[in-house]
């Protein structure tokens, strides 16, 4: 008996997330089909023009917008950003620096500092010799 290797596929939404693009901005044939792992690898290694254009100019999904602005996705929502943004819109926000963005960037910086502090504290505990109880 021979074993048949089935091709793994994913929904377009999953593929778009892995590619870091906004699904609704992708071509119709991408949105309506399924994407195999081989197709995803091909898109990642040799992206077509539409993918390059989306990555360059957007619109970008919220996760990418948040990363480019240096805030969390929740911070975007608190700032009233609920839609995908283009690179131009992101650049405009970075130039204007509205109050909510400054506050969210400061909050994100604090979160990162706290994560580093906790990581260092755990590492220090791990490196200390354990005391024996009598």
N, C-alpha and C. Protein backbone atom coordinates (compact mmCIF):
# COMPACT_ATOMS: atom_id res chain seq x y z
N UNK A 1 0.84 -1.16 0.00
CA UNK A 1 0.00 0.00 0.00
C UNK A 1 0.89 1.24 0.00
N UNK A 2 0.62 2.18 -0.86
CA UNK A 2 1.40 3.41 -0.91
C UNK A 2 0.68 4.51 -0.17
N UNK A 3 1.46 5.36 0.48
CA UNK A 3 0.84 6.47 1.19
C UNK A 3 0.81 7.69 0.28
N UNK A 4 -0.29 8.38 0.32
CA UNK A 4 -0.47 9.57 -0.50
C UNK A 4 -0.33 10.79 0.40
N UNK A 5 0.62 11.64 0.09
CA UNK A 5 0.84 12.84 0.89
C UNK A 5 -0.15 13.91 0.45
N UNK A 6 -1.01 14.32 1.37
CA UNK A 6 -2.00 15.34 1.03
C UNK A 6 -1.37 16.73 1.17
N UNK A 7 -1.82 17.62 0.34
CA UNK A 7 -1.33 18.98 0.36
C UNK A 7 -2.05 19.76 1.45
N UNK A 8 -1.27 20.39 2.31
CA UNK A 8 -1.88 21.20 3.36
C UNK A 8 -2.28 22.53 2.78
N UNK A 9 -3.49 22.95 3.11
CA UNK A 9 -3.98 24.24 2.62
C UNK A 9 -4.45 25.08 3.80
N UNK A 10 -4.63 26.35 3.52
CA UNK A 10 -5.12 27.27 4.55
C UNK A 10 -6.11 28.23 3.92
N UNK A 11 -6.90 28.83 4.76
CA UNK A 11 -7.85 29.82 4.30
C UNK A 11 -7.09 31.08 3.88
N UNK A 12 -7.67 31.86 2.99
CA UNK A 12 -7.02 33.10 2.57
C UNK A 12 -6.71 34.04 3.73
N UNK A 13 -7.57 34.09 4.74
CA UNK A 13 -7.33 34.96 5.89
C UNK A 13 -6.06 34.56 6.63
N UNK A 14 -5.85 33.26 6.77
CA UNK A 14 -4.64 32.77 7.43
C UNK A 14 -3.41 33.10 6.61
N UNK A 15 -3.50 32.89 5.30
CA UNK A 15 -2.37 33.19 4.42
C UNK A 15 -2.05 34.68 4.44
N UNK A 16 -3.08 35.52 4.42
CA UNK A 16 -2.87 36.97 4.46
C UNK A 16 -2.18 37.38 5.75
N UNK A 17 -2.60 36.77 6.85
CA UNK A 17 -1.98 37.08 8.14
C UNK A 17 -0.50 36.68 8.13
N UNK A 18 -0.20 35.51 7.59
CA UNK A 18 1.18 35.05 7.52
C UNK A 18 2.02 35.94 6.59
N UNK A 19 1.38 36.51 5.58
CA UNK A 19 2.08 37.39 4.64
C UNK A 19 2.14 38.83 5.16
N UNK A 20 1.37 39.13 6.21
CA UNK A 20 1.37 40.47 6.79
C UNK A 20 0.64 41.49 5.94
N UNK A 21 -0.43 41.05 5.26
CA UNK A 21 -1.19 41.96 4.41
C UNK A 21 -2.66 41.96 4.82
N UNK A 22 -3.36 43.01 4.43
CA UNK A 22 -4.78 43.17 4.70
C UNK A 22 -5.56 42.38 3.67
N UNK A 23 -6.31 41.39 4.12
CA UNK A 23 -7.00 40.46 3.23
C UNK A 23 -7.89 41.18 2.21
N UNK A 24 -8.66 42.15 2.67
CA UNK A 24 -9.61 42.83 1.78
C UNK A 24 -8.92 43.59 0.65
N UNK A 25 -7.62 43.84 0.77
CA UNK A 25 -6.89 44.56 -0.28
C UNK A 25 -6.22 43.61 -1.27
N UNK A 26 -6.30 42.31 -1.02
CA UNK A 26 -5.67 41.33 -1.91
C UNK A 26 -6.56 41.11 -3.14
N UNK A 27 -6.00 40.57 -4.22
CA UNK A 27 -6.80 40.29 -5.41
C UNK A 27 -7.93 39.28 -5.10
N UNK A 28 -9.01 39.38 -5.86
CA UNK A 28 -10.18 38.53 -5.65
C UNK A 28 -9.83 37.05 -5.71
N UNK A 29 -8.96 36.66 -6.65
CA UNK A 29 -8.61 35.24 -6.77
C UNK A 29 -7.89 34.72 -5.52
N UNK A 30 -7.16 35.60 -4.83
CA UNK A 30 -6.50 35.21 -3.58
C UNK A 30 -7.55 35.05 -2.48
N UNK A 31 -8.50 35.98 -2.40
CA UNK A 31 -9.53 35.97 -1.36
C UNK A 31 -10.50 34.80 -1.50
N UNK A 32 -10.74 34.36 -2.71
CA UNK A 32 -11.77 33.35 -2.96
C UNK A 32 -11.25 31.91 -2.95
N UNK A 33 -9.96 31.72 -3.04
CA UNK A 33 -9.42 30.37 -3.12
C UNK A 33 -8.87 29.88 -1.79
N UNK A 34 -8.13 28.81 -1.85
CA UNK A 34 -7.37 28.32 -0.72
C UNK A 34 -5.90 28.41 -1.10
N UNK A 35 -5.04 28.48 -0.12
CA UNK A 35 -3.62 28.63 -0.38
C UNK A 35 -2.89 27.43 0.20
N UNK A 36 -2.11 26.77 -0.63
CA UNK A 36 -1.34 25.62 -0.14
C UNK A 36 -0.05 26.14 0.52
N UNK A 37 0.56 25.29 1.28
CA UNK A 37 1.84 25.66 1.91
C UNK A 37 2.89 26.00 0.85
N UNK A 38 2.88 25.23 -0.25
CA UNK A 38 3.83 25.50 -1.33
C UNK A 38 3.57 26.86 -1.96
N UNK A 39 2.30 27.20 -2.15
CA UNK A 39 1.96 28.51 -2.71
C UNK A 39 2.37 29.63 -1.77
N UNK A 40 2.16 29.43 -0.47
CA UNK A 40 2.55 30.43 0.51
C UNK A 40 4.07 30.64 0.48
N UNK A 41 4.81 29.54 0.43
CA UNK A 41 6.26 29.64 0.37
C UNK A 41 6.70 30.39 -0.89
N UNK A 42 6.04 30.11 -2.00
CA UNK A 42 6.36 30.80 -3.26
C UNK A 42 6.05 32.29 -3.14
N UNK A 43 4.92 32.63 -2.52
CA UNK A 43 4.57 34.04 -2.34
C UNK A 43 5.59 34.75 -1.44
N UNK A 44 6.09 34.04 -0.44
CA UNK A 44 7.07 34.64 0.47
C UNK A 44 8.43 34.80 -0.18
N UNK A 45 8.85 33.81 -0.95
CA UNK A 45 10.19 33.86 -1.53
C UNK A 45 10.27 34.68 -2.81
N UNK A 46 9.19 34.71 -3.57
CA UNK A 46 9.19 35.47 -4.82
C UNK A 46 7.83 36.19 -4.94
N UNK A 47 7.65 37.26 -4.15
CA UNK A 47 6.34 37.90 -4.11
C UNK A 47 5.97 38.57 -5.43
N UNK A 48 4.70 38.40 -5.84
CA UNK A 48 4.24 39.07 -7.06
C UNK A 48 4.11 40.58 -6.80
N UNK A 49 3.91 41.34 -7.84
CA UNK A 49 3.85 42.80 -7.73
C UNK A 49 2.75 43.27 -6.77
N UNK A 50 1.57 42.62 -6.80
CA UNK A 50 0.48 43.06 -5.93
C UNK A 50 0.86 42.92 -4.46
N UNK A 51 1.62 41.88 -4.13
CA UNK A 51 2.04 41.67 -2.75
C UNK A 51 3.10 42.70 -2.35
N UNK A 52 4.03 42.96 -3.23
CA UNK A 52 5.04 43.99 -2.96
C UNK A 52 4.39 45.35 -2.75
N UNK A 53 3.41 45.66 -3.59
CA UNK A 53 2.70 46.94 -3.49
C UNK A 53 1.94 47.06 -2.16
N UNK A 54 1.26 45.99 -1.76
CA UNK A 54 0.53 46.01 -0.49
C UNK A 54 1.49 46.18 0.69
N UNK A 55 2.60 45.49 0.65
CA UNK A 55 3.57 45.61 1.75
C UNK A 55 4.18 47.00 1.80
N UNK A 56 4.37 47.59 0.65
CA UNK A 56 5.00 48.90 0.56
C UNK A 56 4.02 50.02 0.95
N UNK A 57 2.81 50.00 0.39
CA UNK A 57 1.89 51.13 0.53
C UNK A 57 0.60 50.85 1.30
N UNK A 58 0.30 49.57 1.53
CA UNK A 58 -0.91 49.24 2.26
C UNK A 58 -2.13 49.24 1.37
N UNK A 59 -3.28 49.16 1.94
CA UNK A 59 -3.56 49.28 3.37
C UNK A 59 -3.00 48.10 4.16
N UNK A 60 -2.61 48.42 5.39
CA UNK A 60 -1.97 47.43 6.26
C UNK A 60 -2.95 46.95 7.32
N UNK A 61 -2.86 45.68 7.73
CA UNK A 61 -3.71 45.18 8.82
C UNK A 61 -3.31 45.85 10.14
N UNK A 62 -4.21 45.79 11.10
CA UNK A 62 -3.97 46.47 12.38
C UNK A 62 -2.67 46.03 13.06
N UNK A 63 -2.32 44.76 12.95
CA UNK A 63 -1.08 44.30 13.59
C UNK A 63 0.14 45.02 13.01
N UNK A 64 0.13 45.23 11.70
CA UNK A 64 1.24 45.93 11.06
C UNK A 64 1.20 47.42 11.40
N UNK A 65 0.01 48.00 11.41
CA UNK A 65 -0.14 49.42 11.76
C UNK A 65 0.38 49.63 13.19
N UNK A 66 -0.03 48.77 14.11
CA UNK A 66 0.41 48.89 15.50
C UNK A 66 1.93 48.80 15.61
N UNK A 67 2.52 47.85 14.90
CA UNK A 67 3.99 47.70 14.94
C UNK A 67 4.68 48.92 14.38
N UNK A 68 4.19 49.45 13.27
CA UNK A 68 4.81 50.62 12.65
C UNK A 68 4.69 51.86 13.54
N UNK A 69 3.59 51.95 14.29
CA UNK A 69 3.39 53.10 15.18
C UNK A 69 4.03 52.89 16.55
N UNK A 70 4.43 51.66 16.86
CA UNK A 70 5.04 51.38 18.15
C UNK A 70 4.05 51.33 19.29
N UNK A 71 2.84 50.84 18.99
CA UNK A 71 1.80 50.72 20.01
C UNK A 71 1.19 49.33 19.93
N UNK A 72 0.30 49.04 20.86
CA UNK A 72 -0.41 47.75 20.83
C UNK A 72 -1.66 47.88 19.96
N UNK A 73 -2.23 46.74 19.61
CA UNK A 73 -3.49 46.76 18.85
C UNK A 73 -4.59 47.38 19.71
N UNK A 74 -4.58 47.08 21.00
CA UNK A 74 -5.57 47.70 21.90
C UNK A 74 -5.36 49.21 21.95
N UNK A 75 -4.11 49.64 21.89
CA UNK A 75 -3.81 51.07 21.88
C UNK A 75 -4.36 51.75 20.64
N UNK A 76 -4.32 51.05 19.52
CA UNK A 76 -4.93 51.59 18.29
C UNK A 76 -6.42 51.81 18.51
N UNK A 77 -7.08 50.82 19.10
CA UNK A 77 -8.51 50.93 19.33
C UNK A 77 -8.82 52.09 20.28
N UNK A 78 -8.02 52.22 21.34
CA UNK A 78 -8.23 53.33 22.27
C UNK A 78 -8.03 54.67 21.57
N UNK A 79 -7.16 54.69 20.56
CA UNK A 79 -6.93 55.91 19.80
C UNK A 79 -7.94 56.13 18.70
N UNK A 80 -8.89 55.22 18.54
CA UNK A 80 -9.93 55.37 17.55
C UNK A 80 -9.57 54.83 16.17
N UNK A 81 -8.46 54.11 16.06
CA UNK A 81 -8.06 53.53 14.78
C UNK A 81 -8.60 52.11 14.71
N UNK A 82 -9.63 51.94 13.91
CA UNK A 82 -10.26 50.63 13.81
C UNK A 82 -10.17 50.04 12.40
N UNK A 83 -9.73 50.83 11.45
CA UNK A 83 -9.63 50.40 10.06
C UNK A 83 -8.17 50.22 9.67
N UNK A 84 -7.96 49.54 8.57
CA UNK A 84 -6.61 49.40 8.01
C UNK A 84 -6.14 50.78 7.54
N UNK A 85 -4.84 51.03 7.68
CA UNK A 85 -4.28 52.30 7.25
C UNK A 85 -3.23 52.08 6.17
N UNK A 86 -3.07 53.08 5.32
CA UNK A 86 -2.01 53.04 4.31
C UNK A 86 -0.72 53.53 4.93
N UNK A 87 0.37 53.30 4.24
CA UNK A 87 1.68 53.77 4.70
C UNK A 87 1.65 55.29 4.84
N UNK A 88 1.02 55.96 3.90
CA UNK A 88 0.92 57.42 3.94
C UNK A 88 0.18 57.89 5.19
N UNK A 89 -0.90 57.22 5.54
CA UNK A 89 -1.66 57.58 6.75
C UNK A 89 -0.84 57.32 8.01
N UNK A 90 -0.09 56.23 8.02
CA UNK A 90 0.76 55.92 9.17
C UNK A 90 1.84 56.98 9.31
N UNK A 91 2.48 57.34 8.19
CA UNK A 91 3.51 58.37 8.22
C UNK A 91 2.95 59.71 8.70
N UNK A 92 1.73 60.01 8.29
CA UNK A 92 1.08 61.25 8.72
C UNK A 92 0.85 61.25 10.23
N UNK A 93 0.39 60.13 10.77
CA UNK A 93 0.20 60.02 12.22
C UNK A 93 1.52 60.18 12.95
N UNK A 94 2.58 59.58 12.42
CA UNK A 94 3.90 59.69 13.06
C UNK A 94 4.40 61.13 13.02
N UNK A 95 4.10 61.85 11.97
CA UNK A 95 4.53 63.24 11.85
C UNK A 95 3.71 64.15 12.77
N UNK A 96 2.40 63.91 12.84
CA UNK A 96 1.51 64.76 13.65
C UNK A 96 1.60 64.45 15.14
N UNK A 97 1.91 63.23 15.49
CA UNK A 97 2.01 62.77 16.88
C UNK A 97 0.83 63.23 17.75
N UNK A 98 -0.38 62.76 17.43
CA UNK A 98 -1.52 63.14 18.27
C UNK A 98 -1.29 62.67 19.71
N UNK A 99 -2.01 63.29 20.62
CA UNK A 99 -1.85 63.00 22.05
C UNK A 99 -2.02 61.51 22.35
N UNK A 100 -3.05 60.89 21.76
CA UNK A 100 -3.29 59.47 22.04
C UNK A 100 -2.10 58.62 21.62
N UNK A 101 -1.46 58.97 20.50
CA UNK A 101 -0.31 58.20 20.01
C UNK A 101 0.88 58.35 20.95
N UNK A 102 1.12 59.55 21.42
CA UNK A 102 2.22 59.77 22.37
C UNK A 102 1.99 58.97 23.64
N UNK A 103 0.76 58.99 24.12
CA UNK A 103 0.43 58.26 25.34
C UNK A 103 0.57 56.75 25.15
N UNK A 104 0.07 56.24 24.03
CA UNK A 104 0.15 54.80 23.77
C UNK A 104 1.60 54.34 23.56
N UNK A 105 2.41 55.17 22.91
CA UNK A 105 3.83 54.82 22.73
C UNK A 105 4.53 54.77 24.08
N UNK A 106 4.21 55.71 24.97
CA UNK A 106 4.79 55.72 26.31
C UNK A 106 4.36 54.47 27.08
N UNK A 107 3.08 54.11 26.97
CA UNK A 107 2.57 52.92 27.64
C UNK A 107 3.29 51.68 27.12
N UNK A 108 3.46 51.60 25.81
CA UNK A 108 4.13 50.44 25.21
C UNK A 108 5.58 50.35 25.67
N UNK A 109 6.25 51.49 25.78
CA UNK A 109 7.64 51.52 26.26
C UNK A 109 7.71 50.99 27.69
N UNK A 110 6.74 51.38 28.53
CA UNK A 110 6.70 50.90 29.91
C UNK A 110 6.48 49.39 29.95
N UNK A 111 5.61 48.90 29.11
CA UNK A 111 5.34 47.46 29.06
C UNK A 111 6.61 46.71 28.67
N UNK A 112 7.34 47.22 27.69
CA UNK A 112 8.58 46.57 27.27
C UNK A 112 9.63 46.59 28.39
N UNK A 113 9.75 47.73 29.09
CA UNK A 113 10.70 47.82 30.20
C UNK A 113 10.35 46.83 31.30
N UNK A 114 9.07 46.71 31.60
CA UNK A 114 8.64 45.78 32.64
C UNK A 114 8.92 44.34 32.23
N UNK A 115 8.72 44.03 30.96
CA UNK A 115 9.01 42.68 30.47
C UNK A 115 10.50 42.36 30.61
N UNK A 116 11.35 43.32 30.31
CA UNK A 116 12.79 43.14 30.45
C UNK A 116 13.14 42.94 31.93
N UNK A 117 12.55 43.76 32.81
CA UNK A 117 12.82 43.66 34.24
C UNK A 117 12.44 42.28 34.77
N UNK A 118 11.28 41.78 34.36
CA UNK A 118 10.83 40.47 34.82
C UNK A 118 11.74 39.37 34.28
N UNK A 119 12.13 39.49 33.04
CA UNK A 119 13.02 38.50 32.44
C UNK A 119 14.37 38.46 33.18
N UNK A 120 14.90 39.63 33.49
CA UNK A 120 16.18 39.70 34.22
C UNK A 120 16.04 39.14 35.62
N UNK A 121 14.91 39.41 36.27
CA UNK A 121 14.67 38.90 37.62
C UNK A 121 14.60 37.38 37.61
N UNK A 122 13.92 36.82 36.62
CA UNK A 122 13.83 35.36 36.50
C UNK A 122 15.21 34.76 36.23
N UNK A 123 15.98 35.41 35.38
CA UNK A 123 17.32 34.91 35.06
C UNK A 123 18.21 34.94 36.30
N UNK A 124 18.11 36.01 37.09
CA UNK A 124 18.91 36.11 38.31
C UNK A 124 18.54 35.02 39.30
N UNK A 125 17.24 34.74 39.44
CA UNK A 125 16.79 33.68 40.33
C UNK A 125 17.28 32.31 39.87
N UNK A 126 17.26 32.12 38.56
CA UNK A 126 17.68 30.84 38.00
C UNK A 126 19.18 30.63 38.21
N UNK A 127 19.95 31.71 38.17
CA UNK A 127 21.40 31.61 38.30
C UNK A 127 21.88 31.49 39.74
N UNK A 128 21.03 31.82 40.71
CA UNK A 128 21.42 31.73 42.11
C UNK A 128 21.44 30.28 42.56
N UNK A 129 22.46 29.92 43.34
CA UNK A 129 22.47 28.54 43.86
C UNK A 129 21.30 28.37 44.85
N UNK A 130 20.69 27.22 44.81
CA UNK A 130 19.54 26.97 45.69
C UNK A 130 20.02 26.70 47.12
N UNK A 131 19.33 27.31 48.04
CA UNK A 131 19.66 27.11 49.47
C UNK A 131 18.97 25.84 49.95
N UNK A 132 19.71 25.06 50.72
CA UNK A 132 19.12 23.84 51.29
C UNK A 132 18.44 24.15 52.60
N UNK A 133 17.27 23.55 52.76
CA UNK A 133 16.56 23.72 54.02
C UNK A 133 17.00 22.66 54.99
N UNK A 134 17.19 23.05 56.28
CA UNK A 134 17.63 22.12 57.31
C UNK A 134 16.48 21.49 58.01
